[in-house]
Amino acid sequence: QVQLVESGGGLVQAGGSLSLSCAASGRTFSSYAMAWFRQNPGKDREFVAAILWSGGSTYYADSVKGRFTISRDSAKNTMYLQMNSLKPEDTAVYYCAANARPRLNWMMREQQYDSWGQGTQVTVSS
């Protein structure tokens, strides 16, 4: 497992933008898959986006396609989520997650990921 630390959450008006970061502890991530999930109280954790560290293939939930962009900086061992055109329904705690030996057909599944950050709150006001 790796240690993951999210940052960048906050309060923004609908239509605005926020950028989240997930810093990973030092090791080689070339085989890793990393992802963003979100969760509201009383609800299941929801997949948002994922990326393969090697090659940079990306995966998105339909609800965020065209608005969110996932990326990574290998030199900084950091993953990002750029969120544009935010909506009130994007309000949630956002978590980053990682797995060293991902299965490609599980990229959107919570069960794939065995390392999780502590979460960062994103609130979008209407």
N, C-alpha and C. Protein backbone atom coordinates (compact mmCIF):
# COMPACT_ATOMS: atom_id res chain seq x y z
N GLN A 1 0.83 -1.18 0.00
CA GLN A 1 0.00 0.00 0.00
C GLN A 1 0.88 1.24 0.00
N VAL A 2 0.26 2.32 -0.45
CA VAL A 2 0.96 3.60 -0.46
C VAL A 2 0.17 4.58 0.38
N GLN A 3 0.82 5.65 0.74
CA GLN A 3 0.13 6.72 1.48
C GLN A 3 -0.30 7.79 0.49
N LEU A 4 -1.56 8.22 0.62
CA LEU A 4 -2.14 9.19 -0.30
C LEU A 4 -2.68 10.36 0.51
N VAL A 5 -2.41 11.57 0.05
CA VAL A 5 -2.88 12.77 0.74
C VAL A 5 -3.53 13.70 -0.28
N GLU A 6 -4.85 13.94 -0.08
CA GLU A 6 -5.57 14.84 -0.98
C GLU A 6 -5.49 16.27 -0.47
N SER A 7 -5.63 17.19 -1.41
CA SER A 7 -5.73 18.61 -1.07
C SER A 7 -6.47 19.32 -2.19
N GLY A 8 -6.94 20.54 -1.88
CA GLY A 8 -7.54 21.37 -2.92
C GLY A 8 -9.03 21.51 -2.86
N GLY A 9 -9.69 20.83 -1.93
CA GLY A 9 -11.13 20.98 -1.82
C GLY A 9 -11.51 22.36 -1.33
N GLY A 10 -12.81 22.63 -1.34
CA GLY A 10 -13.28 23.93 -0.86
C GLY A 10 -14.69 24.20 -1.30
N LEU A 11 -15.06 25.47 -1.19
CA LEU A 11 -16.41 25.93 -1.53
C LEU A 11 -16.32 26.74 -2.81
N VAL A 12 -17.22 26.45 -3.76
CA VAL A 12 -17.24 27.16 -5.02
C VAL A 12 -18.68 27.30 -5.48
N GLN A 13 -18.96 28.32 -6.24
CA GLN A 13 -20.29 28.49 -6.78
C GLN A 13 -20.49 27.60 -8.01
N ALA A 14 -21.73 27.28 -8.27
CA ALA A 14 -22.06 26.49 -9.46
C ALA A 14 -21.50 27.18 -10.70
N GLY A 15 -20.92 26.38 -11.58
CA GLY A 15 -20.29 26.91 -12.77
C GLY A 15 -18.82 27.19 -12.61
N GLY A 16 -18.34 27.16 -11.38
CA GLY A 16 -16.95 27.43 -11.10
C GLY A 16 -16.07 26.21 -11.26
N SER A 17 -14.80 26.37 -10.87
CA SER A 17 -13.79 25.32 -11.03
C SER A 17 -13.01 25.11 -9.74
N LEU A 18 -12.54 23.89 -9.57
CA LEU A 18 -11.63 23.53 -8.49
C LEU A 18 -10.65 22.50 -9.02
N SER A 19 -9.47 22.47 -8.43
CA SER A 19 -8.49 21.46 -8.78
C SER A 19 -8.08 20.71 -7.53
N LEU A 20 -8.18 19.40 -7.56
CA LEU A 20 -7.77 18.55 -6.46
C LEU A 20 -6.42 17.91 -6.77
N SER A 21 -5.65 17.69 -5.73
CA SER A 21 -4.36 17.00 -5.87
C SER A 21 -4.33 15.81 -4.94
N CYS A 22 -3.59 14.78 -5.35
CA CYS A 22 -3.38 13.59 -4.52
C CYS A 22 -1.90 13.26 -4.58
N ALA A 23 -1.21 13.51 -3.48
CA ALA A 23 0.22 13.23 -3.42
C ALA A 23 0.43 11.83 -2.88
N ALA A 24 1.23 11.04 -3.58
CA ALA A 24 1.48 9.65 -3.21
C ALA A 24 2.88 9.50 -2.64
N SER A 25 3.02 8.58 -1.70
CA SER A 25 4.32 8.36 -1.07
C SER A 25 5.32 7.81 -2.06
N GLY A 26 6.59 8.02 -1.80
CA GLY A 26 7.61 7.73 -2.77
C GLY A 26 7.83 6.27 -3.06
N ARG A 27 7.56 5.89 -4.25
CA ARG A 27 7.90 4.59 -4.79
C ARG A 27 7.65 4.66 -6.29
N THR A 28 7.92 3.60 -6.96
CA THR A 28 7.69 3.58 -8.39
C THR A 28 6.24 3.23 -8.67
N PHE A 29 5.56 4.10 -9.40
CA PHE A 29 4.15 3.91 -9.65
C PHE A 29 3.85 3.45 -11.06
N SER A 30 4.83 2.99 -11.77
CA SER A 30 4.65 2.71 -13.19
C SER A 30 3.55 1.70 -13.45
N SER A 31 3.29 0.80 -12.53
CA SER A 31 2.27 -0.23 -12.76
C SER A 31 0.92 0.13 -12.14
N TYR A 32 0.84 1.29 -11.52
CA TYR A 32 -0.33 1.61 -10.72
C TYR A 32 -1.52 2.12 -11.54
N ALA A 33 -2.70 1.89 -10.99
CA ALA A 33 -3.89 2.61 -11.35
C ALA A 33 -4.26 3.50 -10.17
N MET A 34 -4.67 4.71 -10.49
CA MET A 34 -5.12 5.62 -9.44
C MET A 34 -6.46 6.22 -9.85
N ALA A 35 -7.24 6.59 -8.85
CA ALA A 35 -8.61 6.99 -9.13
C ALA A 35 -9.11 8.02 -8.14
N TRP A 36 -10.17 8.69 -8.52
CA TRP A 36 -10.93 9.56 -7.65
C TRP A 36 -12.33 8.97 -7.47
N PHE A 37 -12.76 8.92 -6.23
CA PHE A 37 -14.13 8.56 -5.88
C PHE A 37 -14.70 9.70 -5.05
N ARG A 38 -16.02 9.71 -4.91
CA ARG A 38 -16.66 10.71 -4.05
C ARG A 38 -17.80 10.06 -3.29
N GLN A 39 -18.14 10.69 -2.16
CA GLN A 39 -19.16 10.10 -1.29
C GLN A 39 -19.88 11.19 -0.51
N ASN A 40 -21.18 11.03 -0.41
CA ASN A 40 -22.00 11.87 0.45
C ASN A 40 -22.52 11.04 1.61
N PRO A 41 -22.86 11.68 2.72
CA PRO A 41 -23.34 10.94 3.90
C PRO A 41 -24.52 10.04 3.56
N GLY A 42 -24.44 8.81 3.97
CA GLY A 42 -25.54 7.88 3.78
C GLY A 42 -25.60 7.27 2.39
N LYS A 43 -24.64 7.61 1.55
CA LYS A 43 -24.65 7.08 0.19
C LYS A 43 -23.38 6.27 -0.07
N ASP A 44 -23.44 5.43 -1.09
CA ASP A 44 -22.28 4.64 -1.47
C ASP A 44 -21.22 5.54 -2.10
N ARG A 45 -19.98 5.06 -2.01
CA ARG A 45 -18.89 5.78 -2.67
C ARG A 45 -19.08 5.63 -4.18
N GLU A 46 -18.87 6.73 -4.90
CA GLU A 46 -19.16 6.78 -6.34
C GLU A 46 -17.88 7.01 -7.12
N PHE A 47 -17.69 6.24 -8.18
CA PHE A 47 -16.53 6.42 -9.04
C PHE A 47 -16.62 7.75 -9.78
N VAL A 48 -15.50 8.45 -9.90
CA VAL A 48 -15.44 9.71 -10.63
C VAL A 48 -14.53 9.58 -11.85
N ALA A 49 -13.27 9.21 -11.63
CA ALA A 49 -12.31 9.12 -12.73
C ALA A 49 -11.14 8.27 -12.30
N ALA A 50 -10.44 7.69 -13.28
CA ALA A 50 -9.27 6.87 -13.00
C ALA A 50 -8.24 7.04 -14.09
N ILE A 51 -7.00 6.70 -13.75
CA ILE A 51 -5.91 6.84 -14.72
C ILE A 51 -4.89 5.73 -14.50
N LEU A 52 -4.37 5.21 -15.57
CA LEU A 52 -3.25 4.28 -15.50
C LEU A 52 -1.96 5.09 -15.50
N TRP A 53 -1.14 4.86 -14.47
CA TRP A 53 0.04 5.68 -14.34
C TRP A 53 0.95 5.55 -15.56
N SER A 54 1.09 4.34 -16.05
CA SER A 54 1.90 4.11 -17.25
C SER A 54 1.02 4.25 -18.48
N GLY A 55 1.32 5.19 -19.32
CA GLY A 55 0.53 5.39 -20.53
C GLY A 55 -0.53 6.45 -20.41
N GLY A 56 -1.05 6.63 -19.20
CA GLY A 56 -2.01 7.70 -18.95
C GLY A 56 -3.42 7.48 -19.45
N SER A 57 -3.81 6.23 -19.74
CA SER A 57 -5.20 5.99 -20.14
C SER A 57 -6.14 6.44 -19.04
N THR A 58 -7.23 7.07 -19.44
CA THR A 58 -8.16 7.64 -18.47
C THR A 58 -9.56 7.04 -18.61
N TYR A 59 -10.28 7.10 -17.51
CA TYR A 59 -11.64 6.57 -17.43
C TYR A 59 -12.47 7.60 -16.65
N TYR A 60 -13.71 7.81 -17.08
CA TYR A 60 -14.56 8.79 -16.43
C TYR A 60 -15.96 8.25 -16.22
N ALA A 61 -16.58 8.68 -15.13
CA ALA A 61 -18.00 8.46 -14.96
C ALA A 61 -18.75 9.34 -15.94
N ASP A 62 -19.89 8.86 -16.42
CA ASP A 62 -20.67 9.63 -17.39
C ASP A 62 -21.05 11.00 -16.83
N SER A 63 -21.27 11.06 -15.53
CA SER A 63 -21.74 12.31 -14.92
C SER A 63 -20.69 13.42 -14.95
N VAL A 64 -19.43 13.08 -15.17
CA VAL A 64 -18.38 14.10 -15.15
C VAL A 64 -17.66 14.25 -16.48
N LYS A 65 -17.97 13.41 -17.45
CA LYS A 65 -17.30 13.49 -18.75
C LYS A 65 -17.49 14.87 -19.37
N GLY A 66 -16.40 15.41 -19.89
CA GLY A 66 -16.45 16.72 -20.50
C GLY A 66 -16.29 17.87 -19.53
N ARG A 67 -16.39 17.58 -18.23
CA ARG A 67 -16.25 18.63 -17.21
C ARG A 67 -15.00 18.43 -16.34
N PHE A 68 -14.67 17.17 -16.05
CA PHE A 68 -13.53 16.85 -15.19
C PHE A 68 -12.40 16.27 -16.03
N THR A 69 -11.18 16.53 -15.61
CA THR A 69 -10.01 15.97 -16.26
C THR A 69 -9.06 15.41 -15.21
N ILE A 70 -8.71 14.14 -15.36
CA ILE A 70 -7.75 13.50 -14.46
C ILE A 70 -6.39 13.48 -15.15
N SER A 71 -5.35 13.70 -14.36
CA SER A 71 -4.00 13.69 -14.92
C SER A 71 -3.02 13.30 -13.82
N ARG A 72 -1.77 13.06 -14.22
CA ARG A 72 -0.75 12.75 -13.21
C ARG A 72 0.57 13.36 -13.63
N ASP A 73 1.39 13.64 -12.62
CA ASP A 73 2.74 14.15 -12.82
C ASP A 73 3.69 13.14 -12.20
N SER A 74 4.34 12.37 -13.05
CA SER A 74 5.20 11.30 -12.55
C SER A 74 6.37 11.84 -11.73
N ALA A 75 6.88 12.98 -12.11
CA ALA A 75 8.03 13.55 -11.40
C ALA A 75 7.66 13.93 -9.97
N LYS A 76 6.40 14.28 -9.75
CA LYS A 76 5.95 14.71 -8.43
C LYS A 76 5.15 13.63 -7.71
N ASN A 77 4.96 12.47 -8.35
CA ASN A 77 4.13 11.41 -7.75
C ASN A 77 2.78 11.96 -7.31
N THR A 78 2.19 12.76 -8.16
CA THR A 78 0.94 13.44 -7.80
C THR A 78 -0.08 13.26 -8.92
N MET A 79 -1.31 13.01 -8.50
CA MET A 79 -2.44 12.90 -9.40
C MET A 79 -3.33 14.12 -9.19
N TYR A 80 -3.99 14.54 -10.24
CA TYR A 80 -4.83 15.73 -10.18
C TYR A 80 -6.23 15.44 -10.70
N LEU A 81 -7.17 16.25 -10.26
CA LEU A 81 -8.51 16.24 -10.83
C LEU A 81 -8.92 17.70 -11.03
N GLN A 82 -8.97 18.10 -12.29
CA GLN A 82 -9.44 19.43 -12.62
C GLN A 82 -10.94 19.36 -12.85
N MET A 83 -11.68 20.14 -12.07
CA MET A 83 -13.14 20.09 -12.12
C MET A 83 -13.66 21.44 -12.61
N ASN A 84 -14.30 21.43 -13.75
CA ASN A 84 -14.87 22.64 -14.33
C ASN A 84 -16.39 22.51 -14.41
N SER A 85 -17.04 23.63 -14.61
CA SER A 85 -18.51 23.65 -14.74
C SER A 85 -19.17 22.87 -13.61
N LEU A 86 -18.74 23.14 -12.41
CA LEU A 86 -19.22 22.39 -11.25
C LEU A 86 -20.70 22.63 -11.02
N LYS A 87 -21.35 21.57 -10.53
CA LYS A 87 -22.78 21.59 -10.24
C LYS A 87 -22.98 21.28 -8.77
N PRO A 88 -24.11 21.70 -8.20
CA PRO A 88 -24.37 21.37 -6.78
C PRO A 88 -24.31 19.87 -6.52
N GLU A 89 -24.70 19.06 -7.49
CA GLU A 89 -24.67 17.60 -7.29
C GLU A 89 -23.25 17.03 -7.28
N ASP A 90 -22.25 17.85 -7.56
CA ASP A 90 -20.86 17.41 -7.42
C ASP A 90 -20.37 17.53 -5.97
N THR A 91 -21.18 18.12 -5.12
CA THR A 91 -20.82 18.25 -3.72
C THR A 91 -20.62 16.88 -3.09
N ALA A 92 -19.48 16.67 -2.45
CA ALA A 92 -19.16 15.39 -1.83
C ALA A 92 -17.78 15.48 -1.18
N VAL A 93 -17.44 14.44 -0.43
CA VAL A 93 -16.05 14.25 -0.03
C VAL A 93 -15.38 13.45 -1.14
N TYR A 94 -14.26 13.96 -1.63
CA TYR A 94 -13.54 13.33 -2.72
C TYR A 94 -12.33 12.59 -2.16
N TYR A 95 -12.18 11.33 -2.58
CA TYR A 95 -11.10 10.47 -2.13
C TYR A 95 -10.24 10.05 -3.31
N CYS A 96 -8.94 10.01 -3.10
CA CYS A 96 -8.10 9.37 -4.10
C CYS A 96 -7.76 7.96 -3.64
N ALA A 97 -7.49 7.11 -4.60
CA ALA A 97 -7.27 5.70 -4.33
C ALA A 97 -6.23 5.15 -5.30
N ALA A 98 -5.60 4.05 -4.91
CA ALA A 98 -4.55 3.47 -5.74
C ALA A 98 -4.54 1.95 -5.64
N ASN A 99 -4.02 1.33 -6.69
CA ASN A 99 -3.82 -0.11 -6.69
C ASN A 99 -2.59 -0.42 -7.53
N ALA A 100 -1.72 -1.29 -7.01
CA ALA A 100 -0.45 -1.57 -7.67
C ALA A 100 -0.57 -2.52 -8.85
N ARG A 101 -1.57 -3.37 -8.83
CA ARG A 101 -1.73 -4.37 -9.88
C ARG A 101 -3.16 -4.33 -10.40
N PRO A 102 -3.51 -3.30 -11.13
CA PRO A 102 -4.91 -3.13 -11.52
C PRO A 102 -5.36 -4.12 -12.58
N ARG A 103 -6.65 -4.42 -12.51
CA ARG A 103 -7.31 -5.17 -13.58
C ARG A 103 -8.05 -4.14 -14.41
N LEU A 104 -7.82 -4.14 -15.71
CA LEU A 104 -8.35 -3.07 -16.54
C LEU A 104 -9.87 -3.05 -16.55
N ASN A 105 -10.50 -4.20 -16.40
CA ASN A 105 -11.96 -4.20 -16.40
C ASN A 105 -12.54 -3.86 -15.04
N TRP A 106 -11.68 -3.52 -14.09
CA TRP A 106 -12.11 -3.12 -12.76
C TRP A 106 -11.76 -1.66 -12.47
N MET A 107 -11.39 -0.90 -13.47
CA MET A 107 -10.89 0.45 -13.22
C MET A 107 -11.91 1.33 -12.51
N MET A 108 -13.21 1.08 -12.73
CA MET A 108 -14.24 1.92 -12.13
C MET A 108 -14.82 1.32 -10.84
N ARG A 109 -14.25 0.22 -10.40
CA ARG A 109 -14.82 -0.48 -9.25
C ARG A 109 -14.06 -0.12 -7.99
N GLU A 110 -14.76 0.21 -6.96
CA GLU A 110 -14.16 0.56 -5.67
C GLU A 110 -13.31 -0.59 -5.14
N GLN A 111 -13.76 -1.82 -5.38
CA GLN A 111 -13.06 -2.99 -4.84
C GLN A 111 -11.64 -3.14 -5.39
N GLN A 112 -11.34 -2.50 -6.50
CA GLN A 112 -10.01 -2.61 -7.10
C GLN A 112 -8.94 -1.94 -6.23
N TYR A 113 -9.33 -0.93 -5.50
CA TYR A 113 -8.35 -0.03 -4.88
C TYR A 113 -8.12 -0.37 -3.42
N ASP A 114 -6.86 -0.50 -3.04
CA ASP A 114 -6.55 -0.92 -1.67
C ASP A 114 -5.81 0.14 -0.86
N SER A 115 -5.54 1.27 -1.45
CA SER A 115 -4.97 2.39 -0.71
C SER A 115 -5.88 3.59 -0.93
N TRP A 116 -6.19 4.30 0.17
CA TRP A 116 -7.12 5.42 0.11
C TRP A 116 -6.58 6.60 0.88
N GLY A 117 -6.88 7.79 0.39
CA GLY A 117 -6.57 9.00 1.12
C GLY A 117 -7.65 9.29 2.15
N GLN A 118 -7.47 10.40 2.87
CA GLN A 118 -8.38 10.75 3.96
C GLN A 118 -9.60 11.51 3.47
N GLY A 119 -9.55 12.01 2.25
CA GLY A 119 -10.68 12.71 1.66
C GLY A 119 -10.57 14.22 1.80
N THR A 120 -11.18 14.93 0.85
CA THR A 120 -11.24 16.38 0.89
C THR A 120 -12.63 16.81 0.46
N GLN A 121 -13.20 17.77 1.20
CA GLN A 121 -14.58 18.19 0.96
C GLN A 121 -14.65 19.16 -0.21
N VAL A 122 -15.58 18.89 -1.11
CA VAL A 122 -15.90 19.83 -2.19
C VAL A 122 -17.37 20.20 -2.04
N THR A 123 -17.64 21.49 -1.95
CA THR A 123 -19.01 21.98 -1.81
C THR A 123 -19.30 22.97 -2.92
N VAL A 124 -20.36 22.69 -3.68
CA VAL A 124 -20.75 23.57 -4.78
C VAL A 124 -22.09 24.19 -4.44
N SER A 125 -22.12 25.49 -4.31
CA SER A 125 -23.35 26.18 -3.94
C SER A 125 -24.11 26.60 -5.20
N SER A 126 -25.43 26.61 -5.07
CA SER A 126 -26.28 26.96 -6.22
C SER A 126 -26.54 28.45 -6.29
